[in-house]
N, C-alpha and C. Protein backbone atom coordinates (compact mmCIF):
# COMPACT_ATOMS: atom_id res chain seq x y z
N UNK A 1 81.75 99.82 84.89
CA UNK A 1 83.49 99.91 85.65
C UNK A 1 83.62 100.34 84.12
N UNK A 2 84.57 101.79 84.59
CA UNK A 2 85.48 102.73 83.93
C UNK A 2 86.64 102.45 83.76
N UNK A 3 87.08 103.14 82.75
CA UNK A 3 88.76 102.69 82.23
C UNK A 3 89.70 103.42 83.32
N UNK A 4 90.71 102.55 83.86
CA UNK A 4 91.28 102.88 84.72
C UNK A 4 92.52 104.11 84.24
N UNK A 5 92.16 105.32 85.54
CA UNK A 5 92.64 107.17 85.43
C UNK A 5 94.46 106.43 86.17
N UNK A 6 95.35 107.44 86.01
CA UNK A 6 96.85 107.41 86.81
C UNK A 6 96.22 108.22 87.71
N UNK A 7 97.02 108.71 88.78
CA UNK A 7 96.17 108.95 90.29
C UNK A 7 98.23 108.38 91.12
N UNK A 8 97.91 109.41 92.35
CA UNK A 8 98.83 109.35 93.10
C UNK A 8 98.18 108.60 94.50
N UNK A 9 99.33 107.71 94.67
CA UNK A 9 98.27 107.27 96.66
C UNK A 9 99.27 107.58 97.54
N UNK A 10 99.25 108.89 98.35
CA UNK A 10 99.87 109.46 98.98
C UNK A 10 99.85 108.90 100.64
N UNK A 11 100.91 108.17 101.35
CA UNK A 11 100.31 107.57 102.61
C UNK A 11 101.10 108.94 103.35
N UNK A 12 101.04 108.44 104.29
CA UNK A 12 101.48 109.52 105.32
C UNK A 12 101.59 108.66 106.83
N UNK A 13 102.68 108.43 107.62
CA UNK A 13 103.35 107.31 108.83
C UNK A 13 103.74 108.58 109.62
N UNK A 14 102.59 108.81 110.49
CA UNK A 14 103.10 109.46 111.74
C UNK A 14 102.69 108.15 112.84
N UNK A 15 102.30 108.98 114.20
CA UNK A 15 102.88 108.06 115.69
C UNK A 15 101.40 108.75 116.09
N UNK A 16 100.66 107.71 117.24
CA UNK A 16 99.87 108.07 117.58
C UNK A 16 99.46 109.33 118.31
N UNK A 17 100.93 109.80 119.03
CA UNK A 17 101.34 110.64 120.14
C UNK A 17 101.67 111.96 119.60
N UNK A 18 101.68 112.34 117.88
CA UNK A 18 102.08 113.49 117.17
C UNK A 18 101.11 114.68 117.28
N UNK A 19 101.51 116.02 117.96
CA UNK A 19 100.49 116.83 118.20
C UNK A 19 101.06 117.52 117.12
N UNK A 20 100.04 118.72 116.33
CA UNK A 20 100.15 120.08 116.10
C UNK A 20 99.38 120.90 116.58
N UNK A 21 99.64 122.18 116.96
CA UNK A 21 99.26 122.65 118.13
C UNK A 21 98.19 122.50 118.51
N UNK A 22 99.02 121.24 119.12
CA UNK A 22 98.25 120.76 120.82
C UNK A 22 96.45 119.48 120.73
N UNK A 23 97.12 119.54 119.09
CA UNK A 23 95.60 118.56 118.86
C UNK A 23 96.44 117.29 117.91
N UNK A 24 96.08 115.74 118.03
CA UNK A 24 96.33 114.70 117.23
C UNK A 24 96.71 115.47 116.07
N UNK A 25 98.12 114.93 115.37
CA UNK A 25 98.38 115.35 114.23
C UNK A 25 97.42 114.67 113.32
N UNK A 26 97.28 113.19 113.07
CA UNK A 26 96.63 113.07 111.90
C UNK A 26 95.00 113.98 112.06
N UNK A 27 95.06 113.73 112.85
CA UNK A 27 93.13 114.63 112.93
C UNK A 27 93.55 116.35 112.18
N UNK A 28 94.40 116.96 112.15
CA UNK A 28 94.99 118.23 111.56
C UNK A 28 94.94 117.57 110.12
N UNK A 29 96.04 116.68 109.94
CA UNK A 29 96.32 115.97 108.45
C UNK A 29 95.11 116.15 107.95
N UNK A 30 93.84 115.27 108.42
CA UNK A 30 93.20 115.00 108.03
C UNK A 30 91.49 116.27 107.51
N UNK A 31 91.88 117.34 108.04
CA UNK A 31 90.60 118.53 108.18
C UNK A 31 91.80 119.27 107.01
N UNK A 32 93.25 119.21 106.90
CA UNK A 32 93.50 120.11 105.98
C UNK A 32 93.31 119.69 104.58
N UNK A 33 93.44 118.04 104.51
CA UNK A 33 92.92 117.79 103.41
C UNK A 33 91.67 118.26 103.14
N UNK A 34 90.64 117.99 104.12
CA UNK A 34 89.50 118.19 103.77
C UNK A 34 89.71 119.86 103.11
N UNK A 35 89.64 121.04 103.72
CA UNK A 35 89.84 122.61 103.37
C UNK A 35 90.67 122.06 102.46
N UNK A 36 91.22 121.86 101.52
CA UNK A 36 92.40 121.62 100.44
C UNK A 36 91.31 121.14 99.43
N UNK A 37 90.37 120.48 99.81
CA UNK A 37 89.28 119.71 98.58
C UNK A 37 89.43 118.42 98.29
N UNK A 38 89.98 117.61 98.74
CA UNK A 38 90.79 116.39 98.49
C UNK A 38 89.33 115.39 98.69
N UNK A 39 89.58 114.40 97.51
CA UNK A 39 87.96 113.75 97.65
C UNK A 39 88.40 112.65 99.09
N UNK A 40 88.70 112.36 99.48
CA UNK A 40 88.70 111.53 100.84
C UNK A 40 90.12 111.27 101.59
N UNK A 41 90.09 110.62 102.64
CA UNK A 41 91.63 110.93 102.98
C UNK A 41 91.03 109.05 104.17
N UNK A 42 91.72 107.58 104.62
CA UNK A 42 91.65 107.06 105.41
C UNK A 42 92.57 106.68 106.23
N UNK A 43 92.18 107.05 107.60
CA UNK A 43 93.24 107.18 108.49
C UNK A 43 93.41 105.52 109.06
N UNK A 44 94.08 105.09 110.04
CA UNK A 44 94.29 102.93 109.53
C UNK A 44 95.33 103.08 110.99
N UNK A 45 94.71 102.80 111.96
CA UNK A 45 95.65 102.68 113.35
C UNK A 45 96.50 101.08 113.02
N UNK A 46 97.77 101.40 113.35
CA UNK A 46 98.28 100.26 113.30
C UNK A 46 98.60 99.25 114.58
N UNK A 47 98.64 97.65 114.47
CA UNK A 47 98.19 97.46 116.28
C UNK A 47 99.95 97.15 116.28
N UNK A 48 101.13 97.64 115.66
CA UNK A 48 102.42 97.08 116.06
C UNK A 48 103.21 98.28 115.10
N UNK A 49 104.84 98.43 115.60
CA UNK A 49 105.38 98.98 114.64
C UNK A 49 106.50 100.09 115.12
N UNK A 50 107.88 100.52 114.35
CA UNK A 50 108.75 100.41 114.85
C UNK A 50 109.22 101.85 113.76
N UNK A 51 109.59 102.90 113.89
CA UNK A 51 110.61 103.91 113.14
C UNK A 51 111.69 104.63 113.39
N UNK A 52 112.01 105.21 112.73
CA UNK A 52 113.25 105.81 113.05
C UNK A 52 114.16 105.63 114.80
N UNK A 53 113.12 105.90 115.18
CA UNK A 53 114.02 105.51 116.47
C UNK A 53 113.99 104.27 117.06
N UNK A 54 113.81 103.28 116.26
CA UNK A 54 113.55 101.16 116.41
C UNK A 54 113.17 101.38 117.57
N UNK A 55 111.62 102.05 118.40
CA UNK A 55 111.24 101.51 119.71
C UNK A 55 109.89 101.10 119.13
N UNK A 56 109.67 99.57 119.34
CA UNK A 56 108.60 99.01 119.34
C UNK A 56 107.55 99.54 119.95
N UNK A 57 106.00 99.91 119.34
CA UNK A 57 104.98 100.42 119.39
C UNK A 57 104.10 99.03 119.55
N UNK A 58 103.00 98.74 120.20
CA UNK A 58 102.46 97.59 120.07
C UNK A 58 101.14 98.02 120.77
N UNK A 59 100.16 97.33 120.71
CA UNK A 59 98.97 96.59 121.37
C UNK A 59 98.86 95.72 121.59
N UNK A 60 99.45 95.00 122.68
CA UNK A 60 99.65 94.22 123.40
C UNK A 60 98.39 94.23 124.79
N UNK A 61 98.14 93.65 125.24
CA UNK A 61 97.80 93.94 127.01
C UNK A 61 98.92 93.81 128.27
N UNK A 62 100.34 93.30 127.81
CA UNK A 62 100.87 93.76 128.80
C UNK A 62 101.55 95.08 128.40
N UNK A 63 101.32 95.80 127.42
CA UNK A 63 102.27 96.57 126.82
C UNK A 63 101.40 97.86 127.65
N UNK A 64 102.03 99.38 127.64
CA UNK A 64 101.54 99.96 128.79
C UNK A 64 101.66 101.08 127.28
N UNK A 65 101.22 100.97 126.03
CA UNK A 65 102.34 102.03 124.99
C UNK A 65 100.96 101.94 124.56
N UNK A 66 100.73 103.25 123.74
CA UNK A 66 99.35 103.77 123.35
C UNK A 66 100.20 105.09 122.16
N UNK A 67 101.26 104.63 121.53
CA UNK A 67 101.52 105.70 120.67
C UNK A 67 102.39 104.81 119.45
N UNK A 68 100.72 104.05 119.19
CA UNK A 68 100.80 103.33 118.13
C UNK A 68 100.59 103.33 116.60
N UNK A 69 101.39 103.45 116.18
CA UNK A 69 101.53 103.46 114.51
C UNK A 69 100.08 104.10 113.34
N UNK A 70 100.34 105.08 113.03
CA UNK A 70 99.09 105.69 112.04
C UNK A 70 99.12 105.85 110.84
N UNK A 71 98.83 105.61 110.02
CA UNK A 71 98.58 105.59 108.78
C UNK A 71 97.77 106.36 107.80
N UNK A 72 97.32 107.41 107.32
CA UNK A 72 97.00 108.39 106.76
C UNK A 72 96.87 108.09 104.91
N UNK A 73 95.83 107.51 104.02
CA UNK A 73 96.06 106.94 102.83
C UNK A 73 94.79 108.26 102.38
N UNK A 74 95.53 108.84 100.86
CA UNK A 74 94.85 109.29 100.10
C UNK A 74 94.94 109.26 98.61
N UNK A 75 94.36 109.21 97.72
CA UNK A 75 94.13 108.42 96.33
C UNK A 75 93.66 110.31 95.69
N UNK A 76 94.57 110.53 94.91
CA UNK A 76 93.98 112.01 94.52
C UNK A 76 95.14 111.73 92.94
N UNK A 77 95.12 113.42 92.14
CA UNK A 77 95.94 113.47 90.95
C UNK A 77 96.74 114.10 91.28
N UNK A 78 97.87 113.63 90.70
CA UNK A 78 99.45 113.72 90.76
C UNK A 78 99.65 115.65 91.25
N UNK A 79 99.03 116.66 90.63
CA UNK A 79 99.26 118.08 90.43
C UNK A 79 99.02 118.45 92.17
N UNK A 80 97.65 118.02 92.27
CA UNK A 80 97.27 118.13 93.51
C UNK A 80 98.04 117.69 94.73
N UNK A 81 98.38 116.54 94.90
CA UNK A 81 99.12 115.96 95.92
C UNK A 81 100.40 116.60 95.93
N UNK A 82 100.77 117.05 94.77
CA UNK A 82 102.27 117.80 95.23
C UNK A 82 102.74 118.80 95.69
N UNK A 83 101.19 119.78 94.99
CA UNK A 83 101.08 120.87 95.85
C UNK A 83 100.17 121.00 97.13
N UNK A 84 100.69 120.18 97.62
CA UNK A 84 99.85 119.58 98.88
C UNK A 84 101.15 119.39 100.32
N UNK A 85 102.08 119.42 99.43
CA UNK A 85 103.70 119.05 99.51
C UNK A 85 103.88 119.63 100.65
N UNK A 86 104.18 120.88 101.10
CA UNK A 86 104.74 122.32 101.32
C UNK A 86 103.61 122.38 102.50
N UNK A 87 102.78 121.69 102.72
CA UNK A 87 101.16 122.25 103.93
C UNK A 87 101.86 121.09 104.29
N UNK A 88 102.48 119.89 103.83
CA UNK A 88 102.12 118.37 104.71
C UNK A 88 103.32 118.98 105.52
N UNK A 89 104.28 119.14 105.07
CA UNK A 89 106.02 119.18 105.59
C UNK A 89 106.29 119.80 106.75
N UNK A 90 104.90 121.45 106.55
CA UNK A 90 104.56 122.05 107.31
C UNK A 90 104.26 121.50 109.09
N UNK A 91 103.79 120.99 108.75
CA UNK A 91 102.50 120.10 109.79
C UNK A 91 103.45 118.84 110.69
N UNK A 92 104.88 117.64 109.45
CA UNK A 92 105.04 117.01 110.57
C UNK A 92 106.59 117.37 110.74
N UNK A 93 106.51 117.19 111.98
CA UNK A 93 108.06 117.20 112.47
C UNK A 93 109.26 116.08 111.95
N UNK A 94 108.30 114.91 112.30
CA UNK A 94 108.82 113.78 112.17
C UNK A 94 107.46 112.36 111.58
N UNK A 95 107.97 111.38 110.35
CA UNK A 95 107.13 110.77 110.15
C UNK A 95 107.87 110.43 108.63
N UNK A 96 107.06 109.87 107.61
CA UNK A 96 107.73 109.35 106.80
C UNK A 96 106.20 109.75 105.98
N UNK A 97 106.71 109.98 103.90
CA UNK A 97 105.63 110.59 103.20
C UNK A 97 106.06 109.81 102.43
N UNK A 98 104.73 108.83 101.47
CA UNK A 98 105.28 107.85 100.45
C UNK A 98 104.82 108.69 99.22
N UNK A 99 104.92 108.46 97.85
CA UNK A 99 103.58 108.84 97.07
C UNK A 99 104.21 107.61 96.08
N UNK A 100 102.83 107.09 95.28
CA UNK A 100 103.05 106.01 94.79
C UNK A 100 102.16 106.09 93.60
N UNK A 101 102.32 105.89 92.41
CA UNK A 101 101.91 106.16 90.40
C UNK A 101 100.93 104.67 90.65
N UNK A 102 99.27 105.44 91.07
CA UNK A 102 98.35 104.20 90.65
C UNK A 102 97.61 103.93 89.26
N UNK A 103 96.90 102.76 89.36
CA UNK A 103 95.71 103.37 88.29
C UNK A 103 94.47 102.50 89.29
N UNK A 104 93.63 103.84 88.41
CA UNK A 104 92.24 103.95 89.54
C UNK A 104 91.41 103.57 88.86
N UNK A 105 90.90 102.25 89.29
CA UNK A 105 89.06 102.33 88.69
C UNK A 105 87.98 102.09 89.73
N UNK A 106 87.10 103.08 89.00
CA UNK A 106 86.88 102.88 90.04
C UNK A 106 85.16 102.27 89.30
N UNK A 107 84.40 101.59 90.31
CA UNK A 107 82.94 100.99 89.86
C UNK A 107 81.78 101.44 91.07
N UNK A 108 81.89 102.95 90.82
CA UNK A 108 80.33 103.17 91.37
C UNK A 108 80.06 104.26 90.13
N UNK A 109 78.34 104.53 90.06
CA UNK A 109 77.91 105.38 89.59
C UNK A 109 78.56 107.00 90.54
N UNK A 110 78.59 107.03 91.41
CA UNK A 110 78.30 108.02 92.26
C UNK A 110 79.99 108.95 92.26
N UNK A 111 80.88 108.02 91.81
CA UNK A 111 82.31 108.92 92.02
C UNK A 111 82.56 109.41 90.57
N UNK A 112 82.46 110.59 90.39
CA UNK A 112 82.82 111.29 89.55
C UNK A 112 84.09 111.45 88.77
N UNK A 113 85.04 110.77 87.87
CA UNK A 113 86.41 110.64 88.14
C UNK A 113 86.27 111.71 86.35
N UNK A 114 87.00 112.55 86.24
CA UNK A 114 87.27 113.18 85.05
C UNK A 114 88.19 111.77 83.74
């Protein structure tokens, strides 16, 4: 097990129906992260949530809502995350972006951390 390394957890909150150039926003963000050389990203689909418009979106059998919350999580070095922020701002019309300082502990021989 390696010693902890300081990094940044980038969280991007968008809606399932958000689009960027006609395609799902979350897919466009993941592609942009990959193209920028980020180590990885995870997309999580929420089962219920609401945002600034206070409309609750839920995955219930009696609801017809398909606009569920989407969360994209990325762990990376802080300077790389901050350098990517203008790209995100250009892609996201409505949404929330959070940054958290984290301690990264890798328990994998395949993961190379400086």
